Each structure stands twice: as C-alpha cells, then as structure tokens.
Amino acid sequence: MRKHRLQTRGLMGEINMVPFIDITLILLIIFMVMTPFIVQSQLNVDLPTAKAVNTVSEDNLIKVEILKDGQINVQNRKTALNKLEEELILHLGKAQEKTILVQADKTVPIEKVVQVFDVAKKLGAAKLGIGVINK
C-alpha cells in the first residue's frame, strides 16, 4: 500500500516563487533607502562662495529704488511711476551702455518691479539688475 501512495503523489516539479519575490522586494527597498546616504557620504563637493564684487562702475550704474510705500527713487531723487521714463531718459542720455539696478523692498509687489523693468527695456538699457533693499 505504501508503494502505491508514492506513485500517486509524484515529485513536485515547480519552485514556489513567492518567498523569492518577497526577499527580492525587501532587498530592493533596503538598497533604495540606503543609496542616498552612501552616495552623499562619498561625494565631497567644494561649493563656491559668493563675494559681493561690484563689476559695474558707478558712472555706468543707475539705481532705481522702490520703497515699501511705493515711492520710487532714481539716483536718490523721488519720482512717480508716470515720470519714471522722463527721469531715466535724463540719466541714460545718449550712452546706452548703462546698467539699471532696480532695488526693491521685499514687501513691494512684483508688478511694480516689472513695470520699472518694462520702462527700462523700452528705453534700451544695456543691462538690468535686480536687488533687495537691506533697510
């Protein structure tokens, strides 16, 4: 009777893949978590430091400041937005190589800064710069 039982059961010819897949996924998760730490510890990057160097001479620089209350100063002279074009024409003159630096308070809406940029570009300023007033 025992002999008959072995013949009907037969040999199992398949491999159960579920444990293999579970271990593979666990290893994948471990490598995904550990890779950023390993790469970050091996890379030594020398980041450059910024130095405040004024590359534009004061003769070629026109400062436009926009204060908290919306007041616009061109070279420390008060002006209104509708008079800004006339004021910049006076300062630009025939020399189109001048740089216009627009400095604004951090609370000033960006649309005011863009309006000043539009006027400067319309007049043909060579370069435009943007900054923040540290007051």
Protein backbone atom coordinates (compact mmCIF):
# COMPACT_ATOMS: atom_id res chain seq x y z
CA MET A 1 0.00 0.00 0.00
CA ARG A 2 2.83 2.36 0.73
CA LYS A 3 4.27 1.85 -2.65
CA HIS A 4 1.05 2.90 -4.27
CA ARG A 5 0.90 6.16 -2.30
CA LEU A 6 4.31 7.35 -3.54
CA GLN A 7 3.37 6.76 -7.11
CA THR A 8 0.19 8.83 -7.00
CA ARG A 9 1.79 11.79 -5.18
CA GLY A 10 4.68 12.19 -7.60
CA LEU A 11 7.55 14.62 -7.47
CA MET A 12 6.96 18.33 -7.26
CA GLY A 13 8.49 19.91 -10.38
CA GLU A 14 7.80 23.60 -9.60
CA ILE A 15 9.60 26.13 -7.42
CA ASN A 16 7.49 28.27 -5.14
CA MET A 17 8.34 31.85 -6.30
CA VAL A 18 6.54 33.80 -3.55
CA PRO A 19 9.38 33.69 -0.96
CA PHE A 20 11.91 34.60 -3.67
CA ILE A 21 9.83 37.63 -4.73
CA ASP A 22 9.37 38.73 -1.09
CA ILE A 23 13.11 38.67 -0.39
CA THR A 24 13.86 40.47 -3.67
CA LEU A 25 11.43 43.28 -2.86
CA ILE A 26 12.82 43.64 0.66
CA LEU A 27 16.38 43.91 -0.71
CA LEU A 28 15.21 46.44 -3.29
CA ILE A 29 13.65 48.63 -0.57
CA ILE A 30 16.79 48.38 1.57
CA PHE A 31 19.00 49.46 -1.36
CA MET A 32 16.65 52.31 -2.28
CA VAL A 33 16.73 53.66 1.26
CA MET A 34 20.48 53.27 1.77
CA THR A 35 21.75 54.56 -1.61
CA PRO A 36 21.31 58.31 -0.91
CA PHE A 37 23.22 58.00 2.36
CA ILE A 38 26.07 56.08 0.77
CA VAL A 39 26.38 58.44 -2.21
CA GLN A 40 26.15 61.56 -0.06
CA SER A 41 28.87 60.39 2.29
CA GLN A 42 31.25 59.59 -0.59
CA LEU A 43 30.89 62.81 -2.59
CA ASN A 44 32.93 65.78 -1.44
CA VAL A 45 31.82 68.89 -3.27
CA ASP A 46 33.56 72.21 -2.85
CA LEU A 47 30.81 74.75 -3.35
CA PRO A 48 31.85 78.23 -4.44
CA THR A 49 31.29 81.15 -2.14
CA ALA A 50 29.77 84.37 -3.36
CA LYS A 51 31.65 87.58 -2.97
CA ALA A 52 29.96 90.93 -3.37
CA VAL A 53 32.04 92.43 -6.14
CA ASN A 54 30.79 95.48 -7.96
CA THR A 55 31.71 94.80 -11.58
CA VAL A 56 29.93 97.89 -12.90
CA SER A 57 31.47 101.28 -12.33
CA GLU A 58 29.35 103.87 -10.56
CA ASP A 59 29.37 106.05 -13.70
CA ASN A 60 27.52 103.41 -15.71
CA LEU A 61 25.08 102.45 -12.96
CA ILE A 62 21.64 103.97 -12.47
CA LYS A 63 20.00 102.94 -9.18
CA VAL A 64 16.22 102.76 -9.04
CA GLU A 65 14.79 102.06 -5.58
CA ILE A 66 11.20 101.06 -4.86
CA LEU A 67 10.36 101.58 -1.19
CA LYS A 68 7.67 99.93 0.98
CA ASP A 69 5.18 102.73 0.45
CA GLY A 70 5.55 102.52 -3.35
CA GLN A 71 7.79 105.57 -3.63
CA ILE A 72 10.32 105.35 -6.47
CA ASN A 73 13.77 106.93 -6.20
CA VAL A 74 16.08 107.32 -9.18
CA GLN A 75 19.63 108.09 -8.06
CA ASN A 76 18.19 109.15 -4.65
CA ARG A 77 15.70 111.57 -6.24
CA LYS A 78 11.97 110.98 -5.67
CA THR A 79 9.86 110.40 -8.74
CA ALA A 80 6.49 108.92 -9.62
CA LEU A 81 5.92 105.90 -11.84
CA ASN A 82 4.43 108.02 -14.62
CA LYS A 83 7.50 110.32 -14.53
CA LEU A 84 9.99 107.43 -14.38
CA GLU A 85 10.51 107.32 -18.13
CA GLU A 86 11.45 111.00 -18.27
CA GLU A 87 13.80 110.63 -15.31
CA LEU A 88 15.54 107.62 -16.84
CA ILE A 89 15.92 109.44 -20.17
CA LEU A 90 17.77 112.20 -18.33
CA HIS A 91 20.13 109.72 -16.67
CA LEU A 92 20.63 107.45 -19.66
CA GLY A 93 21.35 110.24 -22.10
CA LYS A 94 22.93 109.06 -25.32
CA ALA A 95 25.06 106.42 -23.60
CA GLN A 96 23.09 103.18 -23.95
CA GLU A 97 25.76 101.06 -22.21
CA LYS A 98 24.48 101.97 -18.77
CA THR A 99 23.17 99.40 -16.32
CA ILE A 100 19.94 99.95 -14.42
CA LEU A 101 19.84 98.38 -10.97
CA VAL A 102 16.33 98.03 -9.56
CA GLN A 103 16.31 97.58 -5.79
CA ALA A 104 13.01 96.94 -4.07
CA ASP A 105 11.80 96.25 -0.57
CA LYS A 106 10.72 92.64 -0.05
CA THR A 107 7.12 93.73 0.58
CA VAL A 108 6.79 95.55 -2.76
CA PRO A 109 4.53 93.72 -5.24
CA ILE A 110 6.47 92.18 -8.12
CA GLU A 111 4.28 94.00 -10.65
CA LYS A 112 5.88 97.33 -9.65
CA VAL A 113 9.34 95.91 -10.32
CA VAL A 114 8.20 94.54 -13.67
CA GLN A 115 6.77 97.95 -14.60
CA VAL A 116 10.15 99.55 -13.90
CA PHE A 117 11.86 96.84 -15.98
CA ASP A 118 9.43 97.48 -18.84
CA VAL A 119 10.24 101.20 -18.84
CA ALA A 120 13.98 100.49 -18.75
CA LYS A 121 13.79 97.99 -21.61
CA LYS A 122 11.66 100.40 -23.63
CA LEU A 123 14.41 102.99 -23.30
CA GLY A 124 17.02 100.47 -24.43
CA ALA A 125 19.09 99.98 -21.29
CA ALA A 126 22.06 97.69 -21.93
CA LYS A 127 21.75 95.64 -18.72
CA LEU A 128 19.19 95.27 -15.98
CA GLY A 129 19.89 94.14 -12.44
CA ILE A 130 17.66 93.37 -9.51
CA GLY A 131 18.36 93.62 -5.80
CA VAL A 132 16.78 93.87 -2.37
CA ILE A 133 16.94 96.91 -0.14
CA ASN A 134 18.55 95.98 3.19
CA LYS A 135 17.00 98.59 5.44
